[in-house]
Amino acid sequence: MTDHGVALPHHRLHVVPAVVALASPTWQREVWLDPDRFEDLDYTVHVLFDDFCDAHDPQPWLGQSLRTEEEVELMARLGAAYSAVQDAVGAEARDELYLNAPGWSTVVAAAARLAQVMVANDQTALVRPQDGGHGMRPASAGSRDAGVCERRLCVRFHDA
């Protein structure tokens, strides 16, 4: 498995939690169905299909917000599983209808596998001292700001 790095680490900071949310039926029911909470299925879908990746066509995101070909393949599977449910219930359906759809367990399973791989890949990248933990080349000695940013990024990944 080749880690292509993450050129857009702030994008990945949105993608990984969105995948984890799709992998957790408990989170979905407790958070998405609570009208007082900001996060819902629509937010998660925008993260994965529009804003920080494209689960319908994840290949261009390799090396951007996805690290490996395996992540690309698993993201495509997640996109296909979600699209099948969306086709069955309708794009404007309430979150609860999605969560109760017969195909939703396939979405959860696809997200769970992808979450496992993404978290493992991030943990592996964090222990690589040569790249500051995010799959990018270390900052040059004259680039003080980049070094600070790299350290901050490592903390964010670690805290996530």
C-alpha atoms as a PDB file:
ATOM      1  CA  MET A   1       0.000   0.000   0.000  1.00  0.00           C
ATOM      2  CA  THR A   2       1.426   3.329  -1.024  1.00  0.00           C
ATOM      3  CA  ASP A   3       0.562   6.343   1.110  1.00  0.00           C
ATOM      4  CA  HIS A   4       0.239   9.261  -1.308  1.00  0.00           C
ATOM      5  CA  GLY A   5       0.110  11.723   1.564  1.00  0.00           C
ATOM      6  CA  VAL A   6      -2.489  14.391   2.197  1.00  0.00           C
ATOM      7  CA  ALA A   7      -1.997  17.681   0.358  1.00  0.00           C
ATOM      8  CA  LEU A   8      -5.186  19.054   1.930  1.00  0.00           C
ATOM      9  CA  PRO A   9      -4.950  17.975   5.574  1.00  0.00           C
ATOM     10  CA  HIS A  10      -7.719  20.323   6.692  1.00  0.00           C
ATOM     11  CA  HIS A  11     -10.037  18.567   4.239  1.00  0.00           C
ATOM     12  CA  ARG A  12      -9.174  15.221   5.798  1.00  0.00           C
ATOM     13  CA  LEU A  13     -10.021  16.652   9.211  1.00  0.00           C
ATOM     14  CA  HIS A  14     -13.606  16.874   7.922  1.00  0.00           C
ATOM     15  CA  VAL A  15     -13.687  13.635   5.934  1.00  0.00           C
ATOM     16  CA  VAL A  16     -12.575  11.224   8.671  1.00  0.00           C
ATOM     17  CA  PRO A  17     -15.194  12.311  11.255  1.00  0.00           C
ATOM     18  CA  ALA A  18     -17.916  12.246   8.577  1.00  0.00           C
ATOM     19  CA  VAL A  19     -17.004   8.653   7.709  1.00  0.00           C
ATOM     20  CA  VAL A  20     -16.913   7.734  11.403  1.00  0.00           C
ATOM     21  CA  ALA A  21     -20.381   9.277  11.850  1.00  0.00           C
ATOM     22  CA  LEU A  22     -21.725   7.160   8.985  1.00  0.00           C
ATOM     23  CA  ALA A  23     -20.234   4.104  10.672  1.00  0.00           C
ATOM     24  CA  SER A  24     -22.079   4.724  13.958  1.00  0.00           C
ATOM     25  CA  PRO A  25     -25.837   4.080  14.092  1.00  0.00           C
ATOM     26  CA  THR A  26     -25.878   5.238  17.719  1.00  0.00           C
ATOM     27  CA  TRP A  27     -24.318   8.589  16.776  1.00  0.00           C
ATOM     28  CA  GLN A  28     -26.737   8.934  13.877  1.00  0.00           C
ATOM     29  CA  ARG A  29     -29.795   8.477  16.079  1.00  0.00           C
ATOM     30  CA  GLU A  30     -28.543  10.537  19.021  1.00  0.00           C
ATOM     31  CA  VAL A  31     -27.100  13.436  17.015  1.00  0.00           C
ATOM     32  CA  TRP A  32     -28.660  13.555  13.567  1.00  0.00           C
ATOM     33  CA  LEU A  33     -32.216  13.117  14.829  1.00  0.00           C
ATOM     34  CA  ASP A  34     -31.809  15.755  17.562  1.00  0.00           C
ATOM     35  CA  PRO A  35     -33.166  19.034  16.154  1.00  0.00           C
ATOM     36  CA  ASP A  36     -30.983  20.997  18.583  1.00  0.00           C
ATOM     37  CA  ARG A  37     -27.771  19.624  17.058  1.00  0.00           C
ATOM     38  CA  PHE A  38     -26.028  21.130  14.032  1.00  0.00           C
ATOM     39  CA  GLU A  39     -24.774  17.904  12.499  1.00  0.00           C
ATOM     40  CA  ASP A  40     -27.168  15.802  10.469  1.00  0.00           C
ATOM     41  CA  LEU A  41     -27.066  13.486   7.476  1.00  0.00           C
ATOM     42  CA  ASP A  42     -27.189  16.398   5.039  1.00  0.00           C
ATOM     43  CA  TYR A  43     -24.068  17.930   6.603  1.00  0.00           C
ATOM     44  CA  THR A  44     -22.236  14.595   6.450  1.00  0.00           C
ATOM     45  CA  VAL A  45     -23.226  14.052   2.823  1.00  0.00           C
ATOM     46  CA  HIS A  46     -21.995  17.521   1.860  1.00  0.00           C
ATOM     47  CA  VAL A  47     -18.625  16.758   3.454  1.00  0.00           C
ATOM     48  CA  LEU A  48     -18.211  13.465   1.585  1.00  0.00           C
ATOM     49  CA  PHE A  49     -19.824  14.255  -1.768  1.00  0.00           C
ATOM     50  CA  ASP A  50     -19.442  17.995  -2.287  1.00  0.00           C
ATOM     51  CA  ASP A  51     -17.055  19.915  -0.082  1.00  0.00           C
ATOM     52  CA  PHE A  52     -14.006  17.839   0.884  1.00  0.00           C
ATOM     53  CA  CYS A  53     -14.231  14.728  -1.300  1.00  0.00           C
ATOM     54  CA  ASP A  54     -16.498  13.166  -3.919  1.00  0.00           C
ATOM     55  CA  ALA A  55     -17.635   9.710  -2.894  1.00  0.00           C
ATOM     56  CA  HIS A  56     -19.096   9.214  -6.378  1.00  0.00           C
ATOM     57  CA  ASP A  57     -15.666   9.783  -7.954  1.00  0.00           C
ATOM     58  CA  PRO A  58     -12.991   9.698  -5.235  1.00  0.00           C
ATOM     59  CA  GLN A  59      -9.968   8.987  -7.470  1.00  0.00           C
ATOM     60  CA  PRO A  60      -9.062  12.689  -7.979  1.00  0.00           C
ATOM     61  CA  TRP A  61      -8.901  13.024  -4.184  1.00  0.00           C
ATOM     62  CA  LEU A  62      -6.024  10.550  -3.892  1.00  0.00           C
ATOM     63  CA  GLY A  63      -3.146  12.468  -2.330  1.00  0.00           C
ATOM     64  CA  GLN A  64      -5.502  15.345  -1.527  1.00  0.00           C
ATOM     65  CA  SER A  65      -7.810  14.131   1.267  1.00  0.00           C
ATOM     66  CA  LEU A  66      -7.449  10.379   0.687  1.00  0.00           C
ATOM     67  CA  ARG A  67      -4.122   8.658   1.370  1.00  0.00           C
ATOM     68  CA  THR A  68      -4.247   5.315  -0.449  1.00  0.00           C
ATOM     69  CA  GLU A  69      -5.852   3.477  -3.341  1.00  0.00           C
ATOM     70  CA  GLU A  70      -7.634   1.348  -0.740  1.00  0.00           C
ATOM     71  CA  GLU A  71      -9.241   4.465   0.711  1.00  0.00           C
ATOM     72  CA  VAL A  72     -10.306   5.514  -2.792  1.00  0.00           C
ATOM     73  CA  GLU A  73     -11.859   2.096  -3.447  1.00  0.00           C
ATOM     74  CA  LEU A  74     -13.637   2.005  -0.091  1.00  0.00           C
ATOM     75  CA  MET A  75     -14.901   5.588  -0.520  1.00  0.00           C
ATOM     76  CA  ALA A  76     -16.362   4.603  -3.898  1.00  0.00           C
ATOM     77  CA  ARG A  77     -18.123   1.641  -2.240  1.00  0.00           C
ATOM     78  CA  LEU A  78     -19.499   3.952   0.418  1.00  0.00           C
ATOM     79  CA  GLY A  79     -20.690   6.356  -2.269  1.00  0.00           C
ATOM     80  CA  ALA A  80     -22.431   3.556  -4.166  1.00  0.00           C
ATOM     81  CA  ALA A  81     -24.089   2.205  -1.005  1.00  0.00           C
ATOM     82  CA  TYR A  82     -25.329   5.666  -0.026  1.00  0.00           C
ATOM     83  CA  SER A  83     -26.594   6.380  -3.551  1.00  0.00           C
ATOM     84  CA  ALA A  84     -28.585   3.128  -3.553  1.00  0.00           C
ATOM     85  CA  VAL A  85     -30.353   4.176  -0.348  1.00  0.00           C
ATOM     86  CA  GLN A  86     -30.901   7.696  -1.661  1.00  0.00           C
ATOM     87  CA  ASP A  87     -32.461   6.281  -4.828  1.00  0.00           C
ATOM     88  CA  ALA A  88     -34.767   4.108  -2.707  1.00  0.00           C
ATOM     89  CA  VAL A  89     -35.986   6.774  -0.261  1.00  0.00           C
ATOM     90  CA  GLY A  90     -35.577   9.951  -2.325  1.00  0.00           C
ATOM     91  CA  ALA A  91     -33.063  12.757  -2.042  1.00  0.00           C
ATOM     92  CA  GLU A  92     -35.408  14.944   0.032  1.00  0.00           C
ATOM     93  CA  ALA A  93     -36.324  12.249   2.575  1.00  0.00           C
ATOM     94  CA  ARG A  94     -35.885  12.953   6.279  1.00  0.00           C
ATOM     95  CA  ASP A  95     -32.836  11.493   8.018  1.00  0.00           C
ATOM     96  CA  GLU A  96     -35.009   9.006   9.899  1.00  0.00           C
ATOM     97  CA  LEU A  97     -36.193   7.455   6.621  1.00  0.00           C
ATOM     98  CA  TYR A  98     -32.594   6.952   5.528  1.00  0.00           C
ATOM     99  CA  LEU A  99     -31.659   5.355   8.860  1.00  0.00           C
ATOM    100  CA  ASN A 100     -34.609   2.948   8.635  1.00  0.00           C
ATOM    101  CA  ALA A 101     -34.086   2.046   4.968  1.00  0.00           C
ATOM    102  CA  PRO A 102     -33.295  -1.620   4.258  1.00  0.00           C
ATOM    103  CA  GLY A 103     -29.976  -0.710   2.590  1.00  0.00           C
ATOM    104  CA  TRP A 104     -28.747   1.537   5.406  1.00  0.00           C
ATOM    105  CA  SER A 105     -26.851  -1.308   7.084  1.00  0.00           C
ATOM    106  CA  THR A 106     -24.765  -1.576   3.903  1.00  0.00           C
ATOM    107  CA  VAL A 107     -23.894   2.127   4.198  1.00  0.00           C
ATOM    108  CA  VAL A 108     -22.908   1.664   7.846  1.00  0.00           C
ATOM    109  CA  ALA A 109     -20.777  -1.397   7.030  1.00  0.00           C
ATOM    110  CA  ALA A 110     -19.018   0.373   4.137  1.00  0.00           C
ATOM    111  CA  ALA A 111     -18.351   3.413   6.326  1.00  0.00           C
ATOM    112  CA  ALA A 112     -17.070   1.240   9.172  1.00  0.00           C
ATOM    113  CA  ARG A 113     -14.515  -0.464   6.948  1.00  0.00           C
ATOM    114  CA  LEU A 114     -13.401   2.858   5.456  1.00  0.00           C
ATOM    115  CA  ALA A 115     -13.159   4.451   8.918  1.00  0.00           C
ATOM    116  CA  GLN A 116     -10.987   1.583  10.123  1.00  0.00           C
ATOM    117  CA  VAL A 117      -8.606   1.994   7.184  1.00  0.00           C
ATOM    118  CA  MET A 118      -8.461   5.801   7.362  1.00  0.00           C
ATOM    119  CA  VAL A 119      -7.751   5.868  11.092  1.00  0.00           C
ATOM    120  CA  ALA A 120      -5.099   3.144  10.758  1.00  0.00           C
ATOM    121  CA  ASN A 121      -3.467   5.052   7.890  1.00  0.00           C
ATOM    122  CA  ASP A 122      -3.456   8.282   9.902  1.00  0.00           C
ATOM    123  CA  GLN A 123      -1.935   6.521  12.895  1.00  0.00           C
ATOM    124  CA  THR A 124       0.775   5.048  10.681  1.00  0.00           C
ATOM    125  CA  ALA A 125       1.479   8.482   9.199  1.00  0.00           C
ATOM    126  CA  LEU A 126       1.695  10.042  12.654  1.00  0.00           C
ATOM    127  CA  VAL A 127       4.562   7.786  13.659  1.00  0.00           C
ATOM    128  CA  ARG A 128       6.595   8.597  10.554  1.00  0.00           C
ATOM    129  CA  PRO A 129       9.058  11.194  11.842  1.00  0.00           C
ATOM    130  CA  GLN A 130      10.298  12.237   8.407  1.00  0.00           C
ATOM    131  CA  ASP A 131       7.056  13.877   7.320  1.00  0.00           C
ATOM    132  CA  GLY A 132       5.665  15.573  10.391  1.00  0.00           C
ATOM    133  CA  GLY A 133       2.882  13.010  10.573  1.00  0.00           C
ATOM    134  CA  HIS A 134       0.710  13.964   7.631  1.00  0.00           C
ATOM    135  CA  GLY A 135       2.327  12.476   4.569  1.00  0.00           C
ATOM    136  CA  MET A 136       3.920  15.679   3.334  1.00  0.00           C
ATOM    137  CA  ARG A 137       7.576  16.499   2.984  1.00  0.00           C
ATOM    138  CA  PRO A 138       9.051  18.253   6.015  1.00  0.00           C
ATOM    139  CA  ALA A 139       9.323  22.027   5.863  1.00  0.00           C
ATOM    140  CA  SER A 140      12.643  23.433   4.771  1.00  0.00           C
ATOM    141  CA  ALA A 141      14.886  24.925   7.445  1.00  0.00           C
ATOM    142  CA  GLY A 142      14.067  28.439   6.221  1.00  0.00           C
ATOM    143  CA  SER A 143      10.311  27.907   6.418  1.00  0.00           C
ATOM    144  CA  ARG A 144       9.535  28.559  10.066  1.00  0.00           C
ATOM    145  CA  ASP A 145       5.784  29.035   9.483  1.00  0.00           C
ATOM    146  CA  ALA A 146       5.399  25.687   7.718  1.00  0.00           C
ATOM    147  CA  GLY A 147       7.062  23.921  10.653  1.00  0.00           C
ATOM    148  CA  VAL A 148       4.650  25.501  13.099  1.00  0.00           C
ATOM    149  CA  CYS A 149       1.731  24.494  10.915  1.00  0.00           C
ATOM    150  CA  GLU A 150       3.009  20.917  10.737  1.00  0.00           C
ATOM    151  CA  ARG A 151       3.194  20.665  14.517  1.00  0.00           C
ATOM    152  CA  ARG A 152      -0.300  22.082  14.907  1.00  0.00           C
ATOM    153  CA  LEU A 153      -1.631  19.606  12.342  1.00  0.00           C
ATOM    154  CA  CYS A 154      -0.134  16.660  14.201  1.00  0.00           C
ATOM    155  CA  VAL A 155      -1.853  17.796  17.369  1.00  0.00           C
ATOM    156  CA  ARG A 156      -5.172  18.084  15.562  1.00  0.00           C
ATOM    157  CA  PHE A 157      -4.898  14.579  14.101  1.00  0.00           C
ATOM    158  CA  HIS A 158      -3.853  13.241  17.496  1.00  0.00           C
ATOM    159  CA  ASP A 159      -6.753  14.920  19.273  1.00  0.00           C
ATOM    160  CA  ALA A 160      -9.342  13.842  16.697  1.00  0.00           C
END
